[in-house]
Amino acid sequence: MTIEAKKRSIADPSTPVAKFRIVSLALLFAAMAIAGPALADEHFADQAKKVLQSAYSSDAPGAVVVVSRDGDVVLEHAVGMADLELDVPLRPDHVFRLASVSKQYAAAGLLKLVEQGRVALDDPLSAYLPEFPVGDVTIAQLLNHTSGIKSYTSIEGYMTSDRIRADLDTDELIAVFAEEPVDFAPGEKYAYNNSGYVLVGAVIEAVTDRPWNEYLREELLLPNGIENTDAYSDYEIVPGRVEGYDGTPDEITRTSYLSMTQPHAAGALMATAGDVDRWQVALHNGKILGEEMYTRMITPEGAAAEEDYGFGILSGTWFGQPALSHGGGIFGFVTHALYLPEERLSVVVLSNRAMPGWGPQDVALRLAGLATGRSYPIEAPRVDWTEDESVAVQGTYRIDEEENRTIRYEDGRLISQRAGGPEFEVYPVEGDRLAFEQSLSWFSIERDESGTVVAVALHNAWGGDPERAERISDEVQVREGIDVPVEQLERLVGRYELQPGFVMTVRLNEGRLEVQATGQLAIPVEAESPTRFFSNLVGADIEFSVPESGPAESLTLFQRGQELHAPRVGDADEAE
């Protein structure tokens, strides 16, 4: 269960997220998309449907989308299948799991109690849950992920065990993580935390003497005409509830089972896309909270300010204007809710496919771009370059003192690769730009007076300053691995703990070293020396500390400018 979603799309598709779980891989630099006049609503709907048809297949799991402007719906559209086995297409009134989009509802519910004087943001948790062992955490720290309490979804092995299938009440779920050691002192850092939002729900229950979702439904949702949103039971008959799917586009599978009692206030709500749109319009237009409390909700503070996280909502910018959003992922479902206050634009994308391809966040941004007159290169016509024109951009480009990227022309294609990262095909579009397949990132090309390419700048979907890389050679510099004796590799095998509950397991697989982080797939690594290895999949280096004899004592992970030390804590074949 990934009940969370990162606040930004990836700045560079060669820098994938969620490989090594604790490392933030998103680089948040970009430049303005090409701006033009906003589409009239009728033309917007036509163009938006084309975007959805390009992102989702009609005979596979898909998405329901609602876009509104000033509270008036300008697009409500479904594409794809609600149930593959019964051959049922998606409809706009179908009900999806919202995953972590639920957090803004729970946060608003607790802030409503603060507004009423029944709770204070500076109150310690012990004032409401006196038995919980970390009682000095404040309510505000629960809301903005700075509590330091262990997130139960990151407890090693929990999400892949039968424990996630058990039906638990609030007290039983809290007991899962209550005795876990804290990750850091309250307020010291930001770390996305599902346990914190279970406790948000528990505080709501302690104060109101009602189930958290019942309180939200009766006090916040129904009064605002939001009728199809609730934390529905797994056993309840819910008209329009859709199936969730995992796997790959070529091998689609039904999602694994989890008890929906376990996401709790961190991610258990279900709703129609229309209901989420009505929620956004109500929340961001003063229907849920008063101005003072709403401002507090969308204003990041303390350690959470570095991550643009307020209380249950991300508060950042999109091409220089405020953007309020949250996404989520849970078994079989991925979701995104975006609101642009200056445009008074709400975009909701709910998908029942948790598999590779266009994600709801990028679909939402593409639709926001069409609605506001910003064109991403993915929407622009392709340009046919001659071989000479393609070769003219080939070379090695320096990002900074430590990192390069290369662009090479091979078999009629242009291939971009960040040092240590995977290869991605790019293609030329109007405006002397290179676009990525299935990505909103792009390169702008910088030329001198003679037309020679001197630099490329990487742009990101959210706007901001691009990452400029100066061309330092027209040759493509390639990092290559070396062979290391198996006897040396065997000394590196083991389990290394990056932080409590997050372990990197190093194994030998058919004579090659591979690394598997907690809850992630195994990643093969190449040797640069007998003790230093790199990954062409995740853009990471690993240096092992090896004594004169015996196994390695520790490793250090180098990734995206971070240096993380992990001591060896056991053998690779120990139970996890």
Protein backbone atom coordinates (compact mmCIF):
# COMPACT_ATOMS: atom_id res chain seq x y z
CA MET A 1 0.00 0.00 0.00
CA THR A 2 1.46 3.29 -1.06
CA ILE A 3 -1.08 5.52 0.62
CA GLU A 4 0.97 8.55 -0.39
CA ALA A 5 2.00 10.28 -3.58
CA LYS A 6 4.94 12.58 -4.07
CA LYS A 7 4.14 16.23 -4.51
CA ARG A 8 5.96 16.68 -7.80
CA SER A 9 6.36 14.80 -11.01
CA ILE A 10 9.91 13.76 -11.78
CA ALA A 11 12.06 16.51 -13.21
CA ASP A 12 14.13 14.02 -15.16
CA PRO A 13 12.59 10.73 -16.26
CA SER A 14 16.07 9.24 -15.87
CA THR A 15 15.73 9.85 -12.14
CA PRO A 16 12.92 7.47 -11.11
CA VAL A 17 11.10 7.73 -7.81
CA ALA A 18 10.48 4.96 -5.29
CA LYS A 19 13.45 2.73 -5.99
CA PHE A 20 15.34 3.43 -2.79
CA ARG A 21 12.37 4.42 -0.68
CA ILE A 22 13.83 6.90 1.78
CA VAL A 23 15.71 8.97 -0.77
CA SER A 24 13.80 11.85 -2.34
CA LEU A 25 14.67 11.67 -6.02
CA ALA A 26 12.55 14.51 -7.34
CA LEU A 27 14.43 17.57 -8.58
CA LEU A 28 12.10 20.50 -8.61
CA PHE A 29 13.43 22.70 -11.34
CA ALA A 30 11.65 23.80 -14.47
CA ALA A 31 10.79 26.68 -16.75
CA MET A 32 7.61 28.15 -18.04
CA ALA A 33 5.63 26.04 -20.43
CA ILE A 34 4.73 27.73 -23.67
CA ALA A 35 1.77 29.93 -22.73
CA GLY A 36 -1.09 30.76 -25.03
CA PRO A 37 -4.76 31.63 -24.80
CA ALA A 38 -6.87 29.36 -22.60
CA LEU A 39 -9.17 27.08 -24.54
CA ALA A 40 -12.86 27.83 -24.49
CA ASP A 41 -14.68 25.22 -22.44
CA GLU A 42 -16.15 23.37 -25.43
CA HIS A 43 -12.76 23.15 -27.16
CA PHE A 44 -11.07 22.25 -23.89
CA ALA A 45 -13.38 19.25 -23.46
CA ASP A 46 -12.52 17.98 -26.96
CA GLN A 47 -8.77 18.33 -26.40
CA ALA A 48 -8.99 16.89 -22.89
CA LYS A 49 -10.72 13.75 -24.15
CA LYS A 50 -7.89 13.25 -26.64
CA VAL A 51 -5.39 13.45 -23.78
CA LEU A 52 -7.35 10.84 -21.82
CA GLN A 53 -7.58 8.55 -24.83
CA SER A 54 -3.81 8.78 -25.24
CA ALA A 55 -3.24 8.01 -21.56
CA TYR A 56 -5.73 5.19 -21.02
CA SER A 57 -6.90 2.34 -23.23
CA SER A 58 -10.62 1.76 -23.65
CA ASP A 59 -10.25 -1.99 -22.99
CA ALA A 60 -8.05 -1.74 -19.86
CA PRO A 61 -8.42 -0.18 -16.40
CA GLY A 62 -8.58 3.58 -16.77
CA ALA A 63 -9.77 6.73 -15.03
CA VAL A 64 -12.60 9.11 -14.34
CA VAL A 65 -11.82 12.81 -14.61
CA VAL A 66 -13.72 15.91 -13.51
CA VAL A 67 -12.58 19.46 -14.25
CA SER A 68 -14.47 22.50 -13.00
CA ARG A 69 -13.97 26.24 -13.29
CA ASP A 70 -15.57 28.57 -10.73
CA GLY A 71 -17.47 25.52 -9.50
CA ASP A 72 -19.00 24.81 -12.92
CA VAL A 73 -18.07 21.42 -14.38
CA VAL A 74 -16.48 21.78 -17.81
CA LEU A 75 -15.41 18.15 -18.18
CA GLU A 76 -16.71 14.92 -16.68
CA HIS A 77 -15.38 11.91 -18.54
CA ALA A 78 -14.62 8.24 -18.03
CA VAL A 79 -12.28 6.11 -20.11
CA GLY A 80 -11.34 2.47 -19.63
CA MET A 81 -12.87 -0.44 -17.73
CA ALA A 82 -14.38 -0.66 -14.24
CA ASP A 83 -14.35 -4.48 -14.23
CA LEU A 84 -12.42 -6.53 -16.77
CA GLU A 85 -13.98 -9.85 -15.85
CA LEU A 86 -17.54 -8.56 -16.20
CA ASP A 87 -16.64 -6.30 -19.16
CA VAL A 88 -18.06 -3.19 -17.47
CA PRO A 89 -16.81 0.19 -18.73
CA LEU A 90 -16.07 3.02 -16.32
CA ARG A 91 -18.77 5.62 -15.74
CA PRO A 92 -18.40 9.09 -14.19
CA ASP A 93 -20.49 8.06 -11.17
CA HIS A 94 -18.24 5.12 -10.23
CA VAL A 95 -16.67 4.95 -6.76
CA PHE A 96 -12.88 4.74 -6.32
CA ARG A 97 -10.50 4.40 -3.39
CA LEU A 98 -9.04 7.85 -2.79
CA ALA A 99 -5.90 6.66 -0.97
CA SER A 100 -3.95 9.60 0.51
CA VAL A 101 -6.23 12.23 -0.95
CA SER A 102 -8.20 11.21 2.18
CA LYS A 103 -5.65 13.08 4.31
CA GLN A 104 -6.96 16.52 3.43
CA TYR A 105 -10.45 15.47 4.54
CA ALA A 106 -9.14 14.14 7.86
CA ALA A 107 -6.99 17.23 8.37
CA ALA A 108 -9.91 19.55 7.67
CA GLY A 109 -12.06 17.56 10.07
CA LEU A 110 -9.57 17.95 12.89
CA LEU A 111 -9.05 21.63 12.08
CA LYS A 112 -12.81 22.10 12.33
CA LEU A 113 -12.56 20.86 15.91
CA VAL A 114 -9.69 23.31 16.50
CA GLU A 115 -11.87 26.09 15.11
CA GLN A 116 -14.61 25.10 17.57
CA GLY A 117 -12.17 25.24 20.49
CA ARG A 118 -12.40 21.50 21.18
CA VAL A 119 -8.78 20.83 20.15
CA ALA A 120 -5.64 22.99 20.03
CA LEU A 121 -2.88 22.51 17.48
CA ASP A 122 -0.21 22.86 20.17
CA ASP A 123 -1.86 20.30 22.43
CA PRO A 124 0.18 17.17 23.12
CA LEU A 125 -1.20 13.91 21.82
CA SER A 126 -1.33 12.70 25.42
CA ALA A 127 -4.24 15.07 26.04
CA TYR A 128 -6.42 12.86 23.85
CA LEU A 129 -4.67 9.48 23.79
CA PRO A 130 -3.03 9.22 27.23
CA GLU A 131 -1.96 5.61 26.73
CA PHE A 132 0.08 6.28 23.58
CA PRO A 133 3.80 6.11 24.50
CA VAL A 134 4.94 9.14 22.44
CA GLY A 135 2.67 11.63 24.14
CA ASP A 136 4.73 14.79 23.62
CA VAL A 137 3.96 14.93 19.89
CA THR A 138 1.67 17.85 19.09
CA ILE A 139 -1.49 17.75 17.01
CA ALA A 140 0.18 20.01 14.43
CA GLN A 141 3.08 17.57 14.10
CA LEU A 142 0.67 14.75 13.33
CA LEU A 143 -0.93 16.85 10.61
CA ASN A 144 2.28 17.85 8.81
CA HIS A 145 4.30 14.62 9.12
CA THR A 146 6.89 15.91 11.57
CA SER A 147 5.99 13.67 14.52
CA GLY A 148 8.83 11.16 14.13
CA ILE A 149 6.47 8.30 15.03
CA LYS A 150 7.14 5.16 13.02
CA SER A 151 4.89 4.97 9.97
CA TYR A 152 3.31 1.53 10.13
CA THR A 153 3.38 1.17 6.34
CA SER A 154 7.20 1.28 6.49
CA ILE A 155 7.54 -1.43 9.16
CA GLU A 156 9.68 -4.04 7.46
CA GLY A 157 7.59 -6.77 5.87
CA TYR A 158 4.26 -5.39 7.07
CA MET A 159 2.79 -4.48 3.70
CA THR A 160 3.63 -7.83 2.12
CA SER A 161 2.46 -10.01 5.00
CA ASP A 162 -0.94 -11.35 5.97
CA ARG A 163 -1.08 -8.69 8.68
CA ILE A 164 -2.34 -6.14 6.14
CA ARG A 165 -5.38 -8.35 5.47
CA ALA A 166 -6.63 -8.29 9.07
CA ASP A 167 -9.66 -6.22 10.04
CA LEU A 168 -8.54 -3.90 12.86
CA ASP A 169 -10.35 -1.30 14.89
CA THR A 170 -8.64 1.98 15.78
CA ASP A 171 -7.03 0.72 19.00
CA GLU A 172 -5.77 -2.46 17.31
CA LEU A 173 -4.27 -0.50 14.43
CA ILE A 174 -2.51 1.93 16.78
CA ALA A 175 -1.07 -1.08 18.64
CA VAL A 176 0.70 -2.10 15.40
CA PHE A 177 3.10 0.86 15.67
CA ALA A 178 2.74 2.16 19.23
CA GLU A 179 5.81 0.38 20.58
CA GLU A 180 7.99 0.95 17.52
CA PRO A 181 11.04 3.18 18.12
CA VAL A 182 10.63 6.72 16.86
CA ASP A 183 12.52 7.77 13.75
CA PHE A 184 13.44 11.21 15.15
CA ALA A 185 12.46 13.69 17.82
CA PRO A 186 9.10 15.44 17.28
CA GLY A 187 9.44 18.44 14.98
CA GLU A 188 13.04 17.66 14.03
CA LYS A 189 12.36 16.50 10.47
CA TYR A 190 9.65 15.88 7.89
CA ALA A 191 8.90 12.27 6.95
CA TYR A 192 5.64 11.26 5.28
CA ASN A 193 3.78 9.30 7.92
CA ASN A 194 0.62 7.21 7.69
CA SER A 195 0.67 6.45 11.42
CA GLY A 196 0.31 10.17 12.06
CA TYR A 197 -2.98 10.22 10.20
CA VAL A 198 -4.28 7.12 11.95
CA LEU A 199 -3.70 9.15 15.11
CA VAL A 200 -5.47 12.15 13.54
CA GLY A 201 -8.48 9.89 13.07
CA ALA A 202 -8.12 8.58 16.63
CA VAL A 203 -8.11 12.13 18.05
CA ILE A 204 -11.26 12.94 16.08
CA GLU A 205 -12.89 9.83 17.57
CA ALA A 206 -11.73 10.67 21.10
CA VAL A 207 -13.15 14.21 20.90
CA THR A 208 -16.41 13.49 19.06
CA ASP A 209 -17.14 9.99 20.37
CA ARG A 210 -17.92 8.98 16.78
CA PRO A 211 -16.01 7.02 14.11
CA TRP A 212 -13.75 9.46 12.29
CA ASN A 213 -15.43 8.88 8.91
CA GLU A 214 -18.92 9.24 10.36
CA TYR A 215 -17.93 12.61 11.83
CA LEU A 216 -16.53 13.77 8.48
CA ARG A 217 -19.59 12.62 6.60
CA GLU A 218 -22.13 14.21 8.92
CA GLU A 219 -20.32 17.45 9.73
CA LEU A 220 -18.32 18.31 6.58
CA LEU A 221 -19.57 16.31 3.61
CA LEU A 222 -23.35 16.00 3.62
CA PRO A 223 -23.89 19.68 4.54
CA ASN A 224 -21.99 20.57 1.34
CA GLY A 225 -23.86 18.20 -0.95
CA ILE A 226 -21.07 15.59 -0.97
CA GLU A 227 -23.10 12.41 -0.74
CA ASN A 228 -21.03 9.56 -2.19
CA THR A 229 -17.91 9.77 -0.02
CA ASP A 230 -17.20 7.50 2.94
CA ALA A 231 -14.83 4.87 4.32
CA TYR A 232 -17.01 2.07 3.03
CA SER A 233 -16.61 -1.38 4.54
CA ASP A 234 -15.11 -4.14 2.40
CA TYR A 235 -18.31 -6.11 3.00
CA GLU A 236 -20.80 -3.36 2.24
CA ILE A 237 -22.68 -3.28 -1.06
CA VAL A 238 -21.58 0.02 -2.61
CA PRO A 239 -23.30 0.79 -5.93
CA GLY A 240 -20.68 1.69 -8.51
CA ARG A 241 -17.61 0.50 -6.55
CA VAL A 242 -14.95 -0.41 -9.13
CA GLU A 243 -12.23 -3.05 -9.13
CA GLY A 244 -8.56 -2.10 -8.76
CA TYR A 245 -5.78 -3.51 -10.92
CA ASP A 246 -2.01 -3.92 -10.77
CA GLY A 247 0.61 -5.56 -12.99
CA THR A 248 1.75 -4.17 -16.31
CA PRO A 249 -0.18 -3.03 -19.39
CA ASP A 250 0.68 -6.38 -20.99
CA GLU A 251 -0.08 -8.49 -17.91
CA ILE A 252 -2.89 -6.92 -15.90
CA THR A 253 -3.79 -8.54 -12.58
CA ARG A 254 -6.45 -7.91 -9.97
CA THR A 255 -4.95 -6.09 -7.03
CA SER A 256 -3.95 -7.87 -3.84
CA TYR A 257 -6.38 -7.78 -0.95
CA LEU A 258 -5.96 -5.50 2.03
CA SER A 259 -8.48 -4.72 4.71
CA MET A 260 -9.73 -1.19 4.18
CA THR A 261 -9.90 -0.81 7.96
CA GLN A 262 -6.12 -0.38 7.88
CA PRO A 263 -5.65 2.80 5.82
CA HIS A 264 -7.98 4.52 8.33
CA ALA A 265 -7.85 8.33 8.17
CA ALA A 266 -4.58 8.07 6.22
CA GLY A 267 -6.29 6.72 3.12
CA ALA A 268 -9.56 4.80 3.56
CA LEU A 269 -12.06 7.18 1.97
CA MET A 270 -13.80 6.25 -1.28
CA ALA A 271 -15.66 8.63 -3.56
CA THR A 272 -16.75 9.56 -7.04
CA ALA A 273 -14.63 12.04 -8.96
CA GLY A 274 -17.57 14.45 -8.89
CA ASP A 275 -17.65 14.28 -5.11
CA VAL A 276 -13.92 15.07 -4.91
CA ASP A 277 -14.46 18.05 -7.19
CA ARG A 278 -17.29 19.29 -4.97
CA TRP A 279 -15.02 18.80 -1.95
CA GLN A 280 -12.22 20.86 -3.51
CA VAL A 281 -14.55 23.67 -4.46
CA ALA A 282 -16.06 23.72 -0.96
CA LEU A 283 -12.73 23.49 0.87
CA HIS A 284 -10.96 26.17 -1.14
CA ASN A 285 -13.89 28.59 -1.17
CA GLY A 286 -14.58 28.90 2.53
CA LYS A 287 -17.36 26.34 2.89
CA ILE A 288 -15.49 23.95 5.21
CA LEU A 289 -13.21 26.14 7.35
CA GLY A 290 -13.03 29.80 8.28
CA GLU A 291 -10.34 31.97 6.69
CA GLU A 292 -7.91 31.82 9.61
CA MET A 293 -7.94 28.04 9.97
CA TYR A 294 -7.92 27.48 6.19
CA THR A 295 -4.86 29.72 5.88
CA ARG A 296 -3.14 27.67 8.58
CA MET A 297 -4.03 24.48 6.69
CA ILE A 298 -2.39 25.58 3.44
CA THR A 299 0.66 27.30 4.99
CA PRO A 300 3.61 24.91 5.49
CA GLU A 301 5.54 25.45 8.71
CA GLY A 302 8.62 24.12 10.48
CA ALA A 303 10.42 21.16 8.94
CA ALA A 304 7.43 20.53 6.64
CA ALA A 305 7.99 23.88 4.90
CA GLU A 306 10.91 22.42 2.96
CA GLU A 307 8.49 19.90 1.44
CA ASP A 308 5.68 22.44 0.82
CA TYR A 309 3.41 20.38 3.07
CA GLY A 310 0.72 22.12 5.10
CA PHE A 311 -1.87 20.15 7.03
CA GLY A 312 -3.00 17.30 4.79
CA ILE A 313 -2.28 19.24 1.63
CA LEU A 314 0.67 20.22 -0.53
CA SER A 315 0.95 23.96 -1.04
CA GLY A 316 3.38 24.72 -3.86
CA THR A 317 3.44 26.55 -7.17
CA TRP A 318 2.69 25.69 -10.77
CA PHE A 319 4.29 28.05 -13.27
CA GLY A 320 4.51 30.76 -10.67
CA GLN A 321 0.96 30.56 -9.34
CA PRO A 322 -0.26 28.83 -6.17
CA ALA A 323 -1.13 25.15 -6.52
CA LEU A 324 -2.86 23.08 -3.85
CA SER A 325 -2.81 19.34 -4.33
CA HIS A 326 -2.53 15.84 -2.96
CA GLY A 327 -2.18 12.48 -4.58
CA GLY A 328 -2.38 8.93 -3.42
CA GLY A 329 -1.76 5.31 -4.26
CA ILE A 330 -3.21 2.22 -2.67
CA PHE A 331 -3.59 -1.36 -3.84
CA GLY A 332 -5.00 -1.10 -7.37
CA PHE A 333 -5.73 2.65 -7.37
CA VAL A 334 -3.83 5.91 -7.99
CA THR A 335 -5.41 9.35 -7.52
CA HIS A 336 -4.70 13.06 -7.77
CA ALA A 337 -6.62 16.21 -6.80
CA LEU A 338 -5.30 19.61 -7.96
CA TYR A 339 -6.70 23.07 -7.29
CA LEU A 340 -5.39 26.34 -8.77
CA PRO A 341 -6.80 29.23 -6.68
CA GLU A 342 -5.94 32.00 -9.15
CA GLU A 343 -7.68 30.13 -11.96
CA ARG A 344 -10.40 28.79 -9.65
CA LEU A 345 -9.74 25.53 -11.44
CA SER A 346 -10.29 22.07 -9.93
CA VAL A 347 -8.89 18.95 -11.60
CA VAL A 348 -9.61 15.46 -10.24
CA VAL A 349 -8.24 12.23 -11.70
CA LEU A 350 -9.17 8.88 -10.13
CA SER A 351 -7.66 5.76 -11.69
CA ASN A 352 -8.17 2.06 -11.00
CA ARG A 353 -4.85 1.05 -12.53
CA ALA A 354 -1.71 1.03 -10.38
CA MET A 355 0.74 0.14 -13.12
CA PRO A 356 3.33 1.79 -15.38
CA GLY A 357 2.08 4.48 -17.73
CA TRP A 358 0.65 7.96 -17.41
CA GLY A 359 -0.08 8.69 -13.75
CA PRO A 360 -3.03 10.77 -12.52
CA GLN A 361 -0.75 13.64 -11.45
CA ASP A 362 0.66 14.16 -14.92
CA VAL A 363 -2.76 13.72 -16.51
CA ALA A 364 -4.09 16.38 -14.14
CA LEU A 365 -1.26 18.75 -15.07
CA ARG A 366 -1.81 18.18 -18.79
CA LEU A 367 -5.49 19.03 -18.35
CA ALA A 368 -4.64 22.09 -16.25
CA GLY A 369 -2.27 23.16 -19.02
CA LEU A 370 -4.96 22.89 -21.68
CA ALA A 371 -7.49 24.71 -19.51
CA THR A 372 -5.16 27.64 -18.77
CA GLY A 373 -3.37 28.01 -22.11
CA ARG A 374 -0.07 26.34 -21.22
CA SER A 375 1.14 23.81 -23.72
CA TYR A 376 3.46 21.01 -22.69
CA PRO A 377 5.78 19.73 -25.43
CA ILE A 378 4.07 16.31 -25.24
CA GLU A 379 1.07 18.02 -26.90
CA ALA A 380 3.18 19.71 -29.62
CA PRO A 381 3.66 18.27 -33.13
CA ARG A 382 6.79 16.21 -33.69
CA VAL A 383 9.45 17.58 -36.01
CA ASP A 384 11.32 15.37 -38.49
CA TRP A 385 15.05 15.98 -38.09
CA THR A 386 17.67 14.85 -40.53
CA GLU A 387 20.46 12.63 -39.29
CA ASP A 388 22.82 15.62 -39.30
CA GLU A 389 20.39 17.66 -37.20
CA SER A 390 20.14 14.82 -34.68
CA VAL A 391 23.89 14.25 -34.52
CA ALA A 392 24.31 17.99 -33.86
CA VAL A 393 22.91 17.59 -30.32
CA GLN A 394 24.91 14.44 -29.54
CA GLY A 395 27.51 14.77 -26.82
CA THR A 396 28.27 14.99 -23.12
CA TYR A 397 26.76 17.79 -21.05
CA ARG A 398 27.98 18.89 -17.60
CA ILE A 399 25.20 19.41 -15.04
CA ASP A 400 27.57 20.30 -12.20
CA GLU A 401 30.98 19.30 -10.88
CA GLU A 402 29.73 15.82 -10.00
CA GLU A 403 27.17 14.95 -12.68
CA ASN A 404 27.01 14.74 -16.45
CA ARG A 405 24.34 13.67 -18.89
CA THR A 406 24.75 12.36 -22.40
CA ILE A 407 22.61 12.59 -25.51
CA ARG A 408 23.46 10.21 -28.32
CA TYR A 409 22.06 9.40 -31.75
CA GLU A 410 21.64 5.69 -32.32
CA ASP A 411 19.59 3.68 -34.84
CA GLY A 412 17.57 6.74 -35.81
CA ARG A 413 16.77 7.66 -32.21
CA LEU A 414 18.00 10.25 -29.72
CA ILE A 415 18.81 8.74 -26.31
CA SER A 416 19.22 10.81 -23.13
CA GLN A 417 20.97 9.39 -20.08
CA ARG A 418 21.90 11.01 -16.82
CA ALA A 419 25.11 9.63 -15.29
CA GLY A 420 24.23 6.40 -13.52
CA GLY A 421 20.62 6.50 -14.71
CA PRO A 422 18.59 4.60 -17.29
CA GLU A 423 18.25 5.55 -20.93
CA PHE A 424 15.26 7.50 -22.24
CA GLU A 425 14.31 8.26 -25.79
CA VAL A 426 13.65 11.90 -26.64
CA TYR A 427 12.26 13.37 -29.83
CA PRO A 428 12.24 16.86 -31.39
CA VAL A 429 9.12 19.04 -31.28
CA GLU A 430 8.33 22.59 -32.33
CA GLY A 431 10.34 25.31 -30.65
CA ASP A 432 13.75 23.58 -30.76
CA ARG A 433 12.81 21.32 -27.87
CA LEU A 434 13.26 17.64 -27.08
CA ALA A 435 10.33 15.88 -25.41
CA PHE A 436 10.33 12.61 -23.46
CA GLU A 437 7.91 9.80 -24.16
CA GLN A 438 5.23 9.60 -21.43
CA SER A 439 6.67 12.50 -19.46
CA LEU A 440 5.96 16.20 -19.09
CA SER A 441 9.69 16.94 -18.81
CA TRP A 442 11.53 18.33 -21.79
CA PHE A 443 14.81 19.87 -22.94
CA SER A 444 15.15 23.28 -24.50
CA ILE A 445 18.19 23.57 -26.75
CA GLU A 446 20.62 26.49 -26.50
CA ARG A 447 22.67 27.37 -29.60
CA ASP A 448 25.35 29.95 -30.32
CA GLU A 449 25.24 32.44 -33.18
CA SER A 450 26.46 29.82 -35.65
CA GLY A 451 23.71 27.39 -34.64
CA THR A 452 26.01 25.04 -32.75
CA VAL A 453 24.42 23.41 -29.72
CA VAL A 454 26.16 24.68 -26.56
CA ALA A 455 23.78 23.56 -23.80
CA VAL A 456 20.49 21.91 -22.98
CA ALA A 457 18.12 22.85 -20.16
CA LEU A 458 15.88 20.32 -18.46
CA HIS A 459 12.37 21.59 -17.64
CA ASN A 460 9.89 20.11 -15.22
CA ALA A 461 6.12 19.99 -15.32
CA TRP A 462 5.63 22.23 -12.26
CA GLY A 463 7.54 25.29 -13.42
CA GLY A 464 10.58 27.10 -12.04
CA ASP A 465 14.19 27.38 -13.07
CA PRO A 466 15.45 24.77 -15.55
CA GLU A 467 18.53 22.65 -14.92
CA ARG A 468 21.09 23.83 -17.47
CA ALA A 469 23.80 21.44 -18.67
CA GLU A 470 26.68 22.86 -20.71
CA ARG A 471 28.00 20.82 -23.60
CA ILE A 472 31.58 19.82 -22.84
CA SER A 473 32.21 17.31 -25.61
CA ASP A 474 30.64 16.06 -28.79
CA GLU A 475 31.73 12.59 -27.70
CA VAL A 476 29.43 10.44 -25.58
CA GLN A 477 31.18 9.46 -22.36
CA VAL A 478 29.98 6.10 -21.06
CA ARG A 479 30.44 4.68 -17.56
CA GLU A 480 31.34 1.00 -17.77
CA GLY A 481 31.52 -1.74 -15.15
CA ILE A 482 34.36 -4.15 -14.43
CA ASP A 483 34.45 -7.82 -13.46
CA VAL A 484 34.98 -8.61 -9.78
CA PRO A 485 35.80 -12.13 -8.52
CA VAL A 486 32.84 -13.94 -6.98
CA GLU A 487 34.87 -14.45 -3.79
CA GLN A 488 35.04 -10.66 -3.34
CA LEU A 489 31.34 -10.22 -4.12
CA GLU A 490 30.43 -12.81 -1.50
CA ARG A 491 32.07 -10.62 1.17
CA LEU A 492 29.60 -7.84 0.32
CA VAL A 493 26.45 -9.94 0.68
CA GLY A 494 24.33 -9.06 3.72
CA ARG A 495 21.66 -6.79 5.18
CA TYR A 496 22.45 -3.12 5.79
CA GLU A 497 20.15 -0.81 7.77
CA LEU A 498 19.75 2.72 6.39
CA GLN A 499 17.24 3.65 9.08
CA PRO A 500 15.07 1.69 11.52
CA GLY A 501 12.83 -0.61 9.49
CA PHE A 502 14.47 0.27 6.18
CA VAL A 503 17.07 -2.24 5.07
CA MET A 504 19.10 -2.75 1.91
CA THR A 505 19.68 -6.44 1.25
CA VAL A 506 22.68 -7.29 -0.94
CA ARG A 507 22.64 -10.66 -2.69
CA LEU A 508 24.43 -12.59 -5.41
CA ASN A 509 22.27 -13.58 -8.37
CA GLU A 510 23.95 -15.69 -11.05
CA GLY A 511 27.31 -14.15 -10.26
CA ARG A 512 26.08 -10.57 -10.22
CA LEU A 513 25.45 -8.33 -7.24
CA GLU A 514 21.95 -7.01 -6.68
CA VAL A 515 20.47 -4.72 -4.03
CA GLN A 516 16.92 -4.82 -2.71
CA ALA A 517 15.55 -2.08 -0.48
CA THR A 518 12.69 -2.79 1.89
CA GLY A 519 9.45 -3.11 -0.05
CA GLN A 520 11.17 -2.61 -3.42
CA LEU A 521 12.29 -4.73 -6.36
CA ALA A 522 15.85 -6.04 -6.57
CA ILE A 523 18.20 -3.72 -8.52
CA PRO A 524 21.32 -5.09 -10.29
CA VAL A 525 24.48 -3.04 -9.74
CA GLU A 526 27.73 -2.82 -11.71
CA ALA A 527 31.22 -2.70 -10.21
CA GLU A 528 33.44 0.33 -10.73
CA SER A 529 35.97 -1.12 -8.30
CA PRO A 530 35.98 -4.13 -5.94
CA THR A 531 34.17 -2.01 -3.33
CA ARG A 532 32.27 0.64 -5.31
CA PHE A 533 29.18 -0.14 -7.39
CA PHE A 534 26.68 1.87 -9.40
CA SER A 535 23.17 1.37 -10.75
CA ASN A 536 22.09 2.28 -14.25
CA LEU A 537 18.49 1.99 -13.12
CA VAL A 538 18.23 4.38 -10.19
CA GLY A 539 21.21 6.70 -10.50
CA ALA A 540 22.91 5.58 -7.30
CA ASP A 541 26.40 4.61 -6.15
CA ILE A 542 27.18 2.24 -3.28
CA GLU A 543 30.57 2.13 -1.53
CA PHE A 544 31.26 -0.83 0.80
CA SER A 545 33.58 -0.62 3.81
CA VAL A 546 35.50 -3.90 3.71
CA PRO A 547 38.09 -5.00 6.32
CA GLU A 548 41.19 -7.01 5.42
CA SER A 549 39.24 -10.20 5.97
CA GLY A 550 35.63 -11.20 6.52
CA PRO A 551 32.41 -9.57 5.36
CA ALA A 552 31.83 -5.88 4.68
CA GLU A 553 31.10 -3.83 7.79
CA SER A 554 28.86 -1.19 6.21
CA LEU A 555 27.86 0.52 3.00
CA THR A 556 27.30 4.12 1.98
CA LEU A 557 24.59 5.04 -0.50
CA PHE A 558 25.25 8.05 -2.72
CA GLN A 559 22.14 9.30 -4.48
CA ARG A 560 20.88 12.71 -5.65
CA GLY A 561 23.53 14.54 -3.65
CA GLN A 562 22.82 12.62 -0.46
CA GLU A 563 25.26 10.38 1.38
CA LEU A 564 23.62 7.77 3.62
CA HIS A 565 25.51 5.33 5.84
CA ALA A 566 24.17 1.84 6.61
CA PRO A 567 25.90 -0.61 8.99
CA ARG A 568 25.71 -4.34 8.28
CA VAL A 569 23.06 -5.91 10.52
CA GLY A 570 22.92 -9.51 9.34
CA ASP A 571 23.11 -12.10 6.60
CA ALA A 572 21.10 -11.73 3.40
CA ASP A 573 19.18 -14.95 4.02
CA GLU A 574 17.89 -13.92 7.46
CA ALA A 575 14.11 -13.63 7.74
CA GLU A 576 12.82 -10.14 7.02
